[in-house]
Protein backbone atom coordinates (compact mmCIF):
# COMPACT_ATOMS: atom_id res chain seq x y z
CA MET A 1 83.92 84.65 138.76
CA GLY A 2 81.28 85.98 141.00
CA GLU A 3 83.57 85.19 143.86
CA ARG A 4 87.03 87.36 145.73
CA GLY A 5 88.99 85.21 147.83
CA GLY A 6 86.62 82.53 148.30
CA ILE A 7 84.05 84.88 149.23
CA LYS A 8 80.51 85.29 147.28
CA LYS A 9 80.38 89.24 146.46
CA GLU A 10 77.09 89.45 147.77
CA ASN A 11 78.23 88.58 150.86
CA PHE A 12 81.68 90.67 150.77
CA ASN A 13 79.61 93.48 150.00
CA SER A 14 77.01 92.93 152.75
CA MET A 15 80.50 92.18 155.17
CA LYS A 16 81.76 95.71 154.00
CA THR A 17 78.26 97.69 154.65
CA ARG A 18 77.73 96.10 157.96
CA LYS A 19 81.61 97.41 158.60
CA ILE A 20 80.78 100.55 157.20
CA ILE A 21 77.38 100.73 159.90
CA VAL A 22 79.75 99.74 162.69
CA GLU A 23 82.74 102.41 161.79
CA ILE A 24 80.08 105.34 161.92
CA ILE A 25 78.23 104.33 164.56
CA CYS A 26 81.50 104.30 166.20
CA LEU A 27 82.03 107.49 165.31
CA ILE A 28 79.10 108.98 166.76
CA LEU A 29 79.99 107.30 169.89
CA LEU A 30 83.27 108.67 170.27
CA LEU A 31 82.30 112.67 169.05
CA ASN A 32 79.89 111.89 172.01
CA PHE A 33 81.55 111.00 174.70
CA PHE A 34 84.93 113.04 173.72
CA TYR A 35 82.61 115.74 173.78
CA GLU A 36 81.22 115.47 176.76
CA GLY A 37 84.38 114.68 178.41
CA ILE A 38 85.96 118.01 177.79
CA TYR A 39 82.76 119.89 178.00
CA LYS A 40 82.65 118.88 181.69
CA ILE A 41 86.30 119.61 182.06
CA ALA A 42 85.95 122.74 180.49
CA TYR A 43 83.56 123.56 182.67
CA TRP A 44 84.56 121.75 185.93
CA GLY A 45 83.15 124.37 188.75
CA ASN A 46 79.70 123.86 187.51
CA TYR A 47 79.79 120.48 186.62
CA ALA A 48 81.86 119.63 190.08
CA PHE A 49 78.67 121.98 191.96
CA TRP A 50 75.98 119.46 190.09
CA VAL A 51 77.68 116.72 190.86
CA LYS A 52 77.77 117.73 195.08
CA HIS A 53 74.19 118.27 194.65
CA ALA A 54 72.80 115.04 192.72
CA PRO A 55 70.74 112.71 194.28
CA LEU A 56 72.69 109.28 195.75
CA LEU A 57 75.65 110.75 194.71
CA ARG A 58 76.81 112.40 197.86
CA PRO A 59 79.29 110.42 199.28
CA ILE A 60 81.00 109.61 196.43
CA TRP A 61 80.72 113.13 194.47
CA GLN A 62 84.55 113.92 194.49
CA LEU A 63 85.53 110.64 193.42
CA LEU A 64 82.88 111.05 189.90
CA THR A 65 83.84 114.81 189.26
CA TYR A 66 87.31 113.50 188.16
CA ILE A 67 86.61 109.80 186.93
CA ILE A 68 83.44 110.39 184.97
CA PRO A 69 85.12 113.02 182.68
CA VAL A 70 88.48 111.05 182.41
CA GLY A 71 86.53 108.16 182.04
CA GLU A 72 84.48 109.71 178.82
CA ILE A 73 87.43 110.90 177.78
CA ALA A 74 89.45 107.28 177.70
CA LEU A 75 86.29 105.46 176.51
CA ALA A 76 85.93 108.21 173.74
CA LEU A 77 89.91 107.48 172.74
CA SER A 78 89.56 103.76 173.03
CA PHE A 79 87.20 103.40 169.76
CA LEU A 80 89.84 104.72 168.03
CA ALA A 81 91.76 101.65 168.44
CA PRO A 82 90.07 98.37 166.84
CA LYS A 83 91.50 96.15 169.42
CA PHE A 84 89.53 98.15 171.96
CA ARG A 85 86.44 98.55 169.68
CA ILE A 86 84.16 95.57 170.62
CA LYS A 87 85.15 96.34 174.34
CA ALA A 88 84.45 100.18 174.36
CA LEU A 89 81.14 99.36 172.71
CA TYR A 90 80.37 96.87 175.80
CA ILE A 91 81.56 99.58 178.22
CA SER A 92 79.54 102.05 176.45
CA ILE A 93 76.24 99.84 176.77
CA GLY A 94 77.22 99.44 180.34
CA VAL A 95 77.66 103.00 181.46
CA LEU A 96 75.03 104.66 179.85
CA ILE A 97 72.29 101.91 181.49
CA VAL A 98 74.37 103.01 184.47
CA PHE A 99 73.39 106.12 184.00
CA VAL A 100 69.26 105.96 183.17
CA LEU A 101 69.16 103.65 186.03
CA TRP A 102 69.94 106.36 188.42
CA VAL A 103 67.97 108.84 186.58
CA MET A 104 65.80 106.24 187.59
CA SER A 105 66.19 105.28 190.91
CA SER A 106 66.87 109.08 191.98
CA TYR A 107 63.42 109.95 191.06
CA LEU A 108 62.16 106.92 192.31
CA PHE A 109 64.02 107.34 195.97
CA THR A 110 64.60 110.64 196.35
CA SER A 111 61.56 112.03 194.50
CA ARG A 112 63.65 114.92 193.34
CA LEU A 113 65.78 115.17 190.16
CA PHE A 114 68.10 117.94 188.67
CA TRP A 115 70.86 118.55 186.43
CA PRO A 116 70.10 122.04 184.97
CA TYR A 117 73.11 121.90 182.19
CA HIS A 118 74.23 119.43 179.23
CA ALA A 119 76.78 119.31 177.31
CA LEU A 120 74.46 118.87 173.89
CA TRP A 121 71.89 121.84 174.53
CA GLU A 122 70.82 123.72 177.57
CA LYS A 123 67.97 122.78 180.12
CA PRO A 124 66.90 118.74 178.91
CA THR A 125 64.46 117.18 180.82
CA TRP A 126 65.36 113.95 181.94
CA MET A 127 63.28 111.77 179.79
CA GLN A 128 64.97 113.20 177.04
CA LYS A 129 68.25 112.65 178.79
CA MET A 130 67.25 109.01 179.17
CA LEU A 131 65.96 108.96 175.79
CA ILE A 132 69.30 109.61 174.21
CA SER A 133 71.49 107.50 176.45
CA LEU A 134 68.95 104.85 175.81
CA GLY A 135 69.02 105.19 171.71
CA LEU A 136 73.05 105.38 172.59
CA SER A 137 72.63 102.28 173.63
CA TRP A 138 70.48 100.88 170.70
CA LEU A 139 73.54 101.90 168.81
CA ALA A 140 75.93 100.70 170.54
CA LEU A 141 74.14 97.20 170.87
CA THR A 142 73.76 97.32 167.02
CA ALA A 143 77.32 98.19 166.13
CA LEU A 144 78.18 94.53 168.70
CA ILE A 145 75.13 92.73 166.36
CA LEU A 146 77.03 94.09 162.93
CA ALA A 147 80.47 93.51 164.01
CA LYS A 148 79.94 90.28 165.47
CA GLY A 149 78.22 88.95 161.69
CA GLY A 150 74.50 88.78 163.21
CA LEU A 151 72.98 87.64 165.92
CA PRO A 152 74.71 84.51 168.16
CA ILE A 153 70.90 82.70 167.47
CA ASN A 154 71.48 82.68 163.77
CA ARG A 155 74.47 80.59 164.71
CA PHE A 156 73.21 77.81 165.19
CA SER A 157 71.28 75.38 162.78
CA SER A 158 67.82 74.71 163.32
CA ASN A 159 68.53 70.91 163.48
CA SER A 160 70.80 71.89 166.77
CA LEU A 161 68.31 71.34 169.75
CA ARG A 162 67.23 67.68 168.51
CA ASN A 163 68.14 64.73 169.37
CA LYS A 164 70.62 63.12 167.42
CA PRO A 165 71.94 59.60 167.33
CA THR A 166 75.48 58.58 168.46
CA ASN A 167 77.54 56.24 166.86
CA ALA A 168 77.87 54.49 170.54
CA ARG A 169 76.84 50.65 170.86
């Protein structure tokens, strides 16, 4: 009697809990990317000025001033469609990691970093920006792991790497 449609009750509750956690993480990422994109559009003049003068972005600054806010809003909206949610989690991890790598390489190669505004608060340090981006990446990775039912390592039995005799004669 402890079964529900062929699934044990504990597994059903566990799946339901995982789904709720994934939904909450997707909502957090959706709100973050949507707010960031809208903020950049609302303060277009300031945003375009800082992108133009940002280290290592000078050759493509005009393209980035349009792509980044529109891309953030599109990424946020892709979290709304369950069909695109997994792809959106992968993309958000990639985008956030690229941002962290840009910050690190800018500081390493140019020894200067500036970006005096941020959508969430005024004048954060670069370490704070990188920690927030890495934290959001970890959230997205957690959602991916939970959505796929655990780590891929757990899908193999402990005997899967052993040599097994075949029926070949």
